Structure formats: structure tokens, C-alpha cells
Amino acid sequence: MRNTRTTLRSRPRGRVRLIGVTCGLAAVSALAVPAAGAATDAPAAPTAVRAATAGDAVRSANVPGTAWYVDQATNTLVVTADSTVSRAEISRLRRAAGAHAGAIRVERTPGTFNKLIAGGDAIYAGDWRCSAGFNARNAKGEYFIVTAGHCTDGKPPWYTTSNHRTKIGETVGSSFPGNDYGLIRYDNRSLKHPGTVNLYNGSSRDIKKAANATVGQKVQRSGSTTGLRGGKVTGLNATVNYG
């Protein structure tokens, strides 16, 4: 599940149990035969190490509007650039990677990256709204909402509505930036906290277990802004530079 923070602006701590080109060569002449030893100038083949090193270089280049991850199938660093990234900035990324630039594959995406990530039902804090990720329970029987750290940054209290009349509880764990996790503890015992996700079609789905995502896995996420959406995992441990 992904989460949305809108301005109207989401690592849990402790142990929790989840509830919820090709080109055709027609002919060559004798003059085109490469000299002996020319093969040593050929680009090095992509490797996991080269891709990871290129990723470090991309991070250091610090170009807002970019996201990147290592494609494990091809050992390449896939850099996605939004509409704000110029050709000069793309060139800057490649220059930063130096000898490892050949391990970078750049892809374009429309729109711009921002801190809006979808989740489940809407929750409110301050003057912004986010979406609850899912509910969890620790060994003591305490209930929590796991959500995004860019929403819980500053550790605000949370409410069920924008007028802040019904309190959910306090933020007890938050990590952002670097990673993006948040934990809200239910302090209001009158609120229901089922281990389900709103499917925005009049029904819900139970969360019964958790596991690490894998490339190729089909996934869905639910959010108060865009409802239920689905897709397929194409990469893991992606990094996004919001600027």
C-alpha cells in the first residue's frame, strides 16, 4: 500500500504483527576491420556492482525529479526522470557515474514526482490529510496504524475528520527522509481498528500476513485520493529525489 499526503499537506518501532540497434550490418569493407587490441576499448558489461556504484553517483548528483533502482535481471540502474528534469541534468547524472555510466538506463515519465502517496482511509493531522496504510497489533495487544513517514514527520496527533473532533491517537514512530515509515497508536478505544483495507467498491479485504515484495509480483494499493489501483512490482529498493 502506498500513502497520500495532501495539504488540504504518512519505521514502525517495536514488533508488530500485521493484520491487515538492433542494427543490421549489410556489408563491411576491409578498411573497417578494427585494429588488434581495439576490443579493450569496448564498454564493460553491466554488473550488480557497477549498477550499485552508479546508483551512489546518481544520489550524489542530487537531481530532483529522479527515481532509481537496480534491475536485477539486467544489472542496470534504471533512472526514471519526470518532466522537470532537463537533458543537461540527465547528462550530469551520466557524468557523475563516470566509468559506470554504461550501467544506467534512463526512462521518462510524465508529470512530476511529489510526496503524494496513496493508502487506505483518510486520516487528518494539522492542516493536511493522509491515508492510513493498514492496522497492526503488537504482542501487548496495542493497536497501531502503519503509514508513511512523510505524513507522520513532526509526530502530530491524528483525527478521523478534518475538523479534528474525533482523535485517533498520537504518532509514536516516524522516519523520513531516507526511508518513509510512520506508526500511529490508537488511543481512542471507541474506534474500530479492523485488519482490513478499503477497496472503495463497498467492500474490504482482510490483511492476514505480510511478506517482502518480489520483482514480478502483482500488487494492489488503496488510497483515499485515487481508490484501489493495481500493478506489478518492477524493481525493489527504489530511491526518489523529491528536491
C-alpha atoms as a PDB file:
ATOM      1  CA  MET A   1       0.000   0.000   0.000  1.00  0.00           C
ATOM      2  CA  ARG A   2       1.155   3.464  -0.730  1.00  0.00           C
ATOM      3  CA  ASN A   3       0.155   6.608   1.041  1.00  0.00           C
ATOM      4  CA  THR A   4      -1.024  10.145   0.224  1.00  0.00           C
ATOM      5  CA  ARG A   5      -0.089  13.350   1.962  1.00  0.00           C
ATOM      6  CA  THR A   6      -2.002  16.354   0.724  1.00  0.00           C
ATOM      7  CA  THR A   7      -2.046  19.835   2.098  1.00  0.00           C
ATOM      8  CA  LEU A   8      -5.697  20.449   2.451  1.00  0.00           C
ATOM      9  CA  ARG A   9      -0.473  18.516   3.009  1.00  0.00           C
ATOM     10  CA  SER A  10       2.173   9.052   6.079  1.00  0.00           C
ATOM     11  CA  ARG A  11       9.613   2.722  10.597  1.00  0.00           C
ATOM     12  CA  PRO A  12       7.322   1.459  12.822  1.00  0.00           C
ATOM     13  CA  ARG A  13       9.030   0.832  16.124  1.00  0.00           C
ATOM     14  CA  GLY A  14       8.807  -2.328  18.121  1.00  0.00           C
ATOM     15  CA  ARG A  15       7.455  -5.615  16.983  1.00  0.00           C
ATOM     16  CA  VAL A  16       4.119  -5.605  15.261  1.00  0.00           C
ATOM     17  CA  ARG A  17       2.022  -8.386  13.799  1.00  0.00           C
ATOM     18  CA  LEU A  18       0.286  -7.347  10.649  1.00  0.00           C
ATOM     19  CA  ILE A  19      -3.414  -7.744  10.438  1.00  0.00           C
ATOM     20  CA  GLY A  20      -4.383  -6.411   7.979  1.00  0.00           C
ATOM     21  CA  VAL A  21      20.172  -1.426 -32.609  1.00  0.00           C
ATOM     22  CA  THR A  22      19.369  -3.737 -33.061  1.00  0.00           C
ATOM     23  CA  CYS A  23      21.049  -2.854 -36.305  1.00  0.00           C
ATOM     24  CA  GLY A  24      21.625  -4.828 -39.481  1.00  0.00           C
ATOM     25  CA  LEU A  25      25.104  -4.826 -40.978  1.00  0.00           C
ATOM     26  CA  ALA A  26      24.783  -5.279 -44.716  1.00  0.00           C
ATOM     27  CA  ALA A  27      28.416  -5.171 -45.678  1.00  0.00           C
ATOM     28  CA  VAL A  28      31.813  -4.069 -44.463  1.00  0.00           C
ATOM     29  CA  SER A  29      34.972  -3.233 -46.279  1.00  0.00           C
ATOM     30  CA  ALA A  30      38.458  -4.262 -45.400  1.00  0.00           C
ATOM     31  CA  LEU A  31      39.078  -0.713 -44.227  1.00  0.00           C
ATOM     32  CA  ALA A  32      36.518  -1.190 -41.455  1.00  0.00           C
ATOM     33  CA  VAL A  33      38.331  -4.082 -39.795  1.00  0.00           C
ATOM     34  CA  PRO A  34      39.271  -2.940 -36.266  1.00  0.00           C
ATOM     35  CA  ALA A  35      42.888  -2.891 -35.272  1.00  0.00           C
ATOM     36  CA  ALA A  36      44.217  -5.555 -32.945  1.00  0.00           C
ATOM     37  CA  GLY A  37      43.598  -4.695 -29.322  1.00  0.00           C
ATOM     38  CA  ALA A  38      40.633  -2.406 -30.079  1.00  0.00           C
ATOM     39  CA  ALA A  39      38.360  -4.757 -28.136  1.00  0.00           C
ATOM     40  CA  THR A  40      39.912  -3.464 -24.929  1.00  0.00           C
ATOM     41  CA  ASP A  41      38.063  -0.163 -25.520  1.00  0.00           C
ATOM     42  CA  ALA A  42      34.646  -1.849 -25.527  1.00  0.00           C
ATOM     43  CA  PRO A  43      32.288  -0.819 -22.696  1.00  0.00           C
ATOM     44  CA  ALA A  44      32.384  -3.067 -19.675  1.00  0.00           C
ATOM     45  CA  ALA A  45      29.425  -5.381 -19.291  1.00  0.00           C
ATOM     46  CA  PRO A  46      26.882  -4.304 -16.641  1.00  0.00           C
ATOM     47  CA  THR A  47      27.279  -5.977 -13.275  1.00  0.00           C
ATOM     48  CA  ALA A  48      25.446  -5.622  -9.984  1.00  0.00           C
ATOM     49  CA  VAL A  49      28.460  -3.825  -8.509  1.00  0.00           C
ATOM     50  CA  ARG A  50      28.619  -1.342 -11.404  1.00  0.00           C
ATOM     51  CA  ALA A  51      24.882  -0.665 -11.133  1.00  0.00           C
ATOM     52  CA  ALA A  52      25.117  -0.099  -7.385  1.00  0.00           C
ATOM     53  CA  THR A  53      28.086   2.230  -7.824  1.00  0.00           C
ATOM     54  CA  ALA A  54      26.184   4.143 -10.487  1.00  0.00           C
ATOM     55  CA  GLY A  55      23.297   4.455  -8.012  1.00  0.00           C
ATOM     56  CA  ASP A  56      25.608   6.053  -5.450  1.00  0.00           C
ATOM     57  CA  ALA A  57      26.751   8.507  -8.111  1.00  0.00           C
ATOM     58  CA  VAL A  58      23.173   9.388  -9.060  1.00  0.00           C
ATOM     59  CA  ARG A  59      22.371  10.054  -5.415  1.00  0.00           C
ATOM     60  CA  SER A  60      25.414  12.326  -5.115  1.00  0.00           C
ATOM     61  CA  ALA A  61      24.427  14.215  -8.277  1.00  0.00           C
ATOM     62  CA  ASN A  62      21.226  15.206  -6.415  1.00  0.00           C
ATOM     63  CA  VAL A  63      18.886  15.881  -9.340  1.00  0.00           C
ATOM     64  CA  PRO A  64      15.288  16.484  -8.156  1.00  0.00           C
ATOM     65  CA  GLY A  65      12.614  14.674 -10.152  1.00  0.00           C
ATOM     66  CA  THR A  66      14.545  11.417 -10.450  1.00  0.00           C
ATOM     67  CA  ALA A  67      13.970   7.933  -9.049  1.00  0.00           C
ATOM     68  CA  TRP A  68      16.224   4.918  -9.479  1.00  0.00           C
ATOM     69  CA  TYR A  69      16.539   1.220  -8.733  1.00  0.00           C
ATOM     70  CA  VAL A  70      18.695  -1.701  -9.843  1.00  0.00           C
ATOM     71  CA  ASP A  71      17.097  -4.006 -12.412  1.00  0.00           C
ATOM     72  CA  GLN A  72      18.368  -7.332 -11.119  1.00  0.00           C
ATOM     73  CA  ALA A  73      17.600  -9.137 -14.371  1.00  0.00           C
ATOM     74  CA  THR A  74      19.929  -6.928 -16.443  1.00  0.00           C
ATOM     75  CA  ASN A  75      22.236  -5.480 -13.755  1.00  0.00           C
ATOM     76  CA  THR A  76      21.390  -1.973 -14.912  1.00  0.00           C
ATOM     77  CA  LEU A  77      20.423   1.095 -12.915  1.00  0.00           C
ATOM     78  CA  VAL A  78      17.018   2.238 -14.149  1.00  0.00           C
ATOM     79  CA  VAL A  79      16.700   6.004 -13.670  1.00  0.00           C
ATOM     80  CA  THR A  80      13.190   7.420 -14.117  1.00  0.00           C
ATOM     81  CA  ALA A  81      13.118  11.161 -14.807  1.00  0.00           C
ATOM     82  CA  ASP A  82       9.965  13.271 -14.558  1.00  0.00           C
ATOM     83  CA  SER A  83       9.034  16.226 -16.765  1.00  0.00           C
ATOM     84  CA  THR A  84      11.091  18.713 -14.735  1.00  0.00           C
ATOM     85  CA  VAL A  85      14.429  17.006 -15.472  1.00  0.00           C
ATOM     86  CA  SER A  86      16.338  18.585 -18.366  1.00  0.00           C
ATOM     87  CA  ARG A  87      18.644  16.896 -20.848  1.00  0.00           C
ATOM     88  CA  ALA A  88      21.541  18.718 -19.219  1.00  0.00           C
ATOM     89  CA  GLU A  89      20.632  17.168 -15.874  1.00  0.00           C
ATOM     90  CA  ILE A  90      20.457  13.722 -17.426  1.00  0.00           C
ATOM     91  CA  SER A  91      23.947  14.326 -18.817  1.00  0.00           C
ATOM     92  CA  ARG A  92      25.029  15.388 -15.345  1.00  0.00           C
ATOM     93  CA  LEU A  93      23.877  12.079 -13.938  1.00  0.00           C
ATOM     94  CA  ARG A  94      25.852  10.168 -16.555  1.00  0.00           C
ATOM     95  CA  ARG A  95      28.962  12.256 -15.951  1.00  0.00           C
ATOM     96  CA  ALA A  96      28.660  11.630 -12.229  1.00  0.00           C
ATOM     97  CA  ALA A  97      28.608   7.875 -12.883  1.00  0.00           C
ATOM     98  CA  GLY A  98      31.840   8.177 -14.869  1.00  0.00           C
ATOM     99  CA  ALA A  99      33.122   4.778 -15.997  1.00  0.00           C
ATOM    100  CA  HIS A 100      29.891   3.197 -14.750  1.00  0.00           C
ATOM    101  CA  ALA A 101      27.585   5.353 -16.891  1.00  0.00           C
ATOM    102  CA  GLY A 102      27.054   2.407 -19.224  1.00  0.00           C
ATOM    103  CA  ALA A 103      25.117   0.691 -16.445  1.00  0.00           C
ATOM    104  CA  ILE A 104      22.467   3.457 -16.456  1.00  0.00           C
ATOM    105  CA  ARG A 105      19.199   3.233 -18.406  1.00  0.00           C
ATOM    106  CA  VAL A 106      17.138   6.428 -18.385  1.00  0.00           C
ATOM    107  CA  GLU A 107      13.348   6.335 -18.720  1.00  0.00           C
ATOM    108  CA  ARG A 108      10.992   9.302 -18.866  1.00  0.00           C
ATOM    109  CA  THR A 109       7.674   9.623 -17.047  1.00  0.00           C
ATOM    110  CA  PRO A 110       5.029  12.366 -17.457  1.00  0.00           C
ATOM    111  CA  GLY A 111       4.121  14.692 -14.608  1.00  0.00           C
ATOM    112  CA  THR A 112       6.282  15.445 -11.596  1.00  0.00           C
ATOM    113  CA  PHE A 113       7.353  13.483  -8.520  1.00  0.00           C
ATOM    114  CA  ASN A 114       5.984  14.720  -5.222  1.00  0.00           C
ATOM    115  CA  LYS A 115       5.214  13.485  -1.745  1.00  0.00           C
ATOM    116  CA  LEU A 116       1.701  12.300  -2.555  1.00  0.00           C
ATOM    117  CA  ILE A 117       1.499   8.542  -1.917  1.00  0.00           C
ATOM    118  CA  ALA A 118      -1.838   6.706  -1.686  1.00  0.00           C
ATOM    119  CA  GLY A 119      -3.026   4.394   1.092  1.00  0.00           C
ATOM    120  CA  GLY A 120      -6.384   3.458   2.661  1.00  0.00           C
ATOM    121  CA  ASP A 121      -8.949   5.593   4.516  1.00  0.00           C
ATOM    122  CA  ALA A 122      -8.286   9.282   5.022  1.00  0.00           C
ATOM    123  CA  ILE A 123      -6.764  10.448   8.313  1.00  0.00           C
ATOM    124  CA  TYR A 124      -6.065  14.017   9.346  1.00  0.00           C
ATOM    125  CA  ALA A 125      -3.356  15.909  11.238  1.00  0.00           C
ATOM    126  CA  GLY A 126      -2.705  19.649  11.339  1.00  0.00           C
ATOM    127  CA  ASP A 127      -3.840  21.103   8.022  1.00  0.00           C
ATOM    128  CA  TRP A 128      -3.072  18.032   5.936  1.00  0.00           C
ATOM    129  CA  ARG A 129      -4.671  14.731   5.063  1.00  0.00           C
ATOM    130  CA  CYS A 130      -3.053  11.353   4.579  1.00  0.00           C
ATOM    131  CA  SER A 131      -4.255   7.799   4.053  1.00  0.00           C
ATOM    132  CA  ALA A 132      -3.930   5.065   6.631  1.00  0.00           C
ATOM    133  CA  GLY A 133      -1.759   2.242   5.374  1.00  0.00           C
ATOM    134  CA  PHE A 134      -3.045  -0.676   7.454  1.00  0.00           C
ATOM    135  CA  ASN A 135      -3.624  -1.676  11.055  1.00  0.00           C
ATOM    136  CA  ALA A 136      -1.238  -3.709  13.172  1.00  0.00           C
ATOM    137  CA  ARG A 137      -1.134  -5.134  16.689  1.00  0.00           C
ATOM    138  CA  ASN A 138       1.883  -5.745  18.900  1.00  0.00           C
ATOM    139  CA  ALA A 139       2.435  -8.558  21.406  1.00  0.00           C
ATOM    140  CA  LYS A 140       0.841  -6.464  24.168  1.00  0.00           C
ATOM    141  CA  GLY A 141      -2.405  -6.171  22.245  1.00  0.00           C
ATOM    142  CA  GLU A 142      -1.939  -2.477  21.433  1.00  0.00           C
ATOM    143  CA  TYR A 143      -3.269  -1.314  18.065  1.00  0.00           C
ATOM    144  CA  PHE A 144      -1.461   0.886  15.590  1.00  0.00           C
ATOM    145  CA  ILE A 145      -1.770   2.358  12.107  1.00  0.00           C
ATOM    146  CA  VAL A 146       1.238   1.778   9.880  1.00  0.00           C
ATOM    147  CA  THR A 147       1.508   4.610   7.404  1.00  0.00           C
ATOM    148  CA  ALA A 148       4.053   6.818   5.609  1.00  0.00           C
ATOM    149  CA  GLY A 149       6.763   8.762   7.401  1.00  0.00           C
ATOM    150  CA  HIS A 150       6.369  11.867   5.267  1.00  0.00           C
ATOM    151  CA  CYS A 151       2.922  12.188   6.863  1.00  0.00           C
ATOM    152  CA  THR A 152       3.999  11.492  10.437  1.00  0.00           C
ATOM    153  CA  ASP A 153       7.063  13.754  10.208  1.00  0.00           C
ATOM    154  CA  GLY A 154       6.949  16.015  13.252  1.00  0.00           C
ATOM    155  CA  LYS A 155       4.906  13.385  15.178  1.00  0.00           C
ATOM    156  CA  PRO A 156       1.498  15.096  15.126  1.00  0.00           C
ATOM    157  CA  PRO A 157      -1.737  13.735  16.669  1.00  0.00           C
ATOM    158  CA  TRP A 158      -4.264  12.207  14.241  1.00  0.00           C
ATOM    159  CA  TYR A 159      -8.024  12.541  13.769  1.00  0.00           C
ATOM    160  CA  THR A 160     -10.774  10.868  11.786  1.00  0.00           C
ATOM    161  CA  THR A 161     -12.027  14.103  10.188  1.00  0.00           C
ATOM    162  CA  SER A 162     -10.620  17.438   9.050  1.00  0.00           C
ATOM    163  CA  ASN A 163     -12.372  19.283  11.894  1.00  0.00           C
ATOM    164  CA  HIS A 164     -10.305  17.280  14.416  1.00  0.00           C
ATOM    165  CA  ARG A 165     -13.301  16.328  16.555  1.00  0.00           C
ATOM    166  CA  THR A 166     -12.568  12.603  16.924  1.00  0.00           C
ATOM    167  CA  LYS A 167      -8.998  11.794  17.835  1.00  0.00           C
ATOM    168  CA  ILE A 168      -7.346   8.567  16.660  1.00  0.00           C
ATOM    169  CA  GLY A 169      -4.122   8.833  18.641  1.00  0.00           C
ATOM    170  CA  GLU A 170      -0.558  10.058  18.681  1.00  0.00           C
ATOM    171  CA  THR A 171       2.339   9.420  16.318  1.00  0.00           C
ATOM    172  CA  VAL A 172       4.736   7.139  18.189  1.00  0.00           C
ATOM    173  CA  GLY A 173       7.205   6.335  15.414  1.00  0.00           C
ATOM    174  CA  SER A 174       8.336   8.239  12.340  1.00  0.00           C
ATOM    175  CA  SER A 175      11.240   8.019   9.902  1.00  0.00           C
ATOM    176  CA  PHE A 176      11.614  10.422   6.978  1.00  0.00           C
ATOM    177  CA  PRO A 177      13.596  11.252   4.856  1.00  0.00           C
ATOM    178  CA  GLY A 178      15.994   8.461   3.952  1.00  0.00           C
ATOM    179  CA  ASN A 179      13.129   5.996   4.333  1.00  0.00           C
ATOM    180  CA  ASP A 180       9.413   6.520   4.775  1.00  0.00           C
ATOM    181  CA  TYR A 181       7.681   4.801   7.719  1.00  0.00           C
ATOM    182  CA  GLY A 182       5.258   6.023  10.352  1.00  0.00           C
ATOM    183  CA  LEU A 183       3.416   4.473  13.306  1.00  0.00           C
ATOM    184  CA  ILE A 184       0.284   5.890  14.940  1.00  0.00           C
ATOM    185  CA  ARG A 185      -1.000   4.346  18.172  1.00  0.00           C
ATOM    186  CA  TYR A 186      -4.757   4.080  18.703  1.00  0.00           C
ATOM    187  CA  ASP A 187      -5.560   5.979  21.911  1.00  0.00           C
ATOM    188  CA  ASN A 188      -9.306   6.154  21.275  1.00  0.00           C
ATOM    189  CA  ARG A 189     -10.717   2.801  22.406  1.00  0.00           C
ATOM    190  CA  SER A 190     -14.110   3.578  20.882  1.00  0.00           C
ATOM    191  CA  LEU A 191     -12.696   3.439  17.359  1.00  0.00           C
ATOM    192  CA  LYS A 192     -12.771   0.205  15.421  1.00  0.00           C
ATOM    193  CA  HIS A 193      -9.454  -0.918  14.022  1.00  0.00           C
ATOM    194  CA  PRO A 194     -10.110  -3.976  11.853  1.00  0.00           C
ATOM    195  CA  GLY A 195      -7.348  -5.626   9.864  1.00  0.00           C
ATOM    196  CA  THR A 196      -8.966  -4.742   6.555  1.00  0.00           C
ATOM    197  CA  VAL A 197      -8.310  -2.456   3.608  1.00  0.00           C
ATOM    198  CA  ASN A 198     -10.990  -0.339   1.951  1.00  0.00           C
ATOM    199  CA  LEU A 199     -11.446  -1.429  -1.679  1.00  0.00           C
ATOM    200  CA  TYR A 200     -13.624   1.590  -2.488  1.00  0.00           C
ATOM    201  CA  ASN A 201     -16.323  -0.550  -4.060  1.00  0.00           C
ATOM    202  CA  GLY A 202     -18.392  -1.106  -0.937  1.00  0.00           C
ATOM    203  CA  SER A 203     -16.248  -3.992   0.275  1.00  0.00           C
ATOM    204  CA  SER A 204     -12.945  -4.535   2.073  1.00  0.00           C
ATOM    205  CA  ARG A 205     -10.135  -7.079   2.190  1.00  0.00           C
ATOM    206  CA  ASP A 206      -8.529  -8.655   5.230  1.00  0.00           C
ATOM    207  CA  ILE A 207      -4.796  -8.494   5.815  1.00  0.00           C
ATOM    208  CA  LYS A 208      -3.724 -11.789   7.348  1.00  0.00           C
ATOM    209  CA  LYS A 209       0.041 -11.891   6.816  1.00  0.00           C
ATOM    210  CA  ALA A 210       2.971  -9.952   5.400  1.00  0.00           C
ATOM    211  CA  ALA A 211       5.995 -10.731   3.249  1.00  0.00           C
ATOM    212  CA  ASN A 212       8.703  -8.943   1.321  1.00  0.00           C
ATOM    213  CA  ALA A 213       7.751  -7.930  -2.202  1.00  0.00           C
ATOM    214  CA  THR A 214       9.405  -9.652  -5.160  1.00  0.00           C
ATOM    215  CA  VAL A 215      10.009  -8.475  -8.700  1.00  0.00           C
ATOM    216  CA  GLY A 216       7.143  -9.567 -10.944  1.00  0.00           C
ATOM    217  CA  GLN A 217       4.667  -9.865  -8.072  1.00  0.00           C
ATOM    218  CA  LYS A 218       1.180  -8.463  -8.671  1.00  0.00           C
ATOM    219  CA  VAL A 219       0.176  -5.893  -6.053  1.00  0.00           C
ATOM    220  CA  GLN A 220      -2.659  -3.513  -5.183  1.00  0.00           C
ATOM    221  CA  ARG A 221      -2.857  -0.398  -3.055  1.00  0.00           C
ATOM    222  CA  SER A 222      -5.795   1.543  -1.698  1.00  0.00           C
ATOM    223  CA  GLY A 223      -5.899   5.296  -1.085  1.00  0.00           C
ATOM    224  CA  SER A 224      -8.410   7.969  -0.146  1.00  0.00           C
ATOM    225  CA  THR A 225      -7.450  10.094  -3.172  1.00  0.00           C
ATOM    226  CA  THR A 226      -7.397   7.551  -6.004  1.00  0.00           C
ATOM    227  CA  GLY A 227      -9.172   4.484  -4.593  1.00  0.00           C
ATOM    228  CA  LEU A 228      -7.969   0.994  -5.478  1.00  0.00           C
ATOM    229  CA  ARG A 229      -5.233   0.566  -8.068  1.00  0.00           C
ATOM    230  CA  GLY A 230      -3.129  -2.430  -9.101  1.00  0.00           C
ATOM    231  CA  GLY A 231       0.092  -3.218 -10.887  1.00  0.00           C
ATOM    232  CA  LYS A 232       3.237  -5.305 -10.884  1.00  0.00           C
ATOM    233  CA  VAL A 233       6.488  -4.886  -8.975  1.00  0.00           C
ATOM    234  CA  THR A 234       9.226  -3.933 -11.452  1.00  0.00           C
ATOM    235  CA  GLY A 235      12.032  -3.121  -9.014  1.00  0.00           C
ATOM    236  CA  LEU A 236      12.943  -3.055  -5.330  1.00  0.00           C
ATOM    237  CA  ASN A 237      14.654  -0.516  -3.058  1.00  0.00           C
ATOM    238  CA  ALA A 238      13.958   2.428  -5.358  1.00  0.00           C
ATOM    239  CA  THR A 239      15.090   5.891  -4.263  1.00  0.00           C
ATOM    240  CA  VAL A 240      13.149   9.052  -5.140  1.00  0.00           C
ATOM    241  CA  ASN A 241      14.654  12.551  -5.005  1.00  0.00           C
ATOM    242  CA  TYR A 242      11.768  14.951  -4.328  1.00  0.00           C
ATOM    243  CA  GLY A 243      14.006  18.034  -4.388  1.00  0.00           C
END
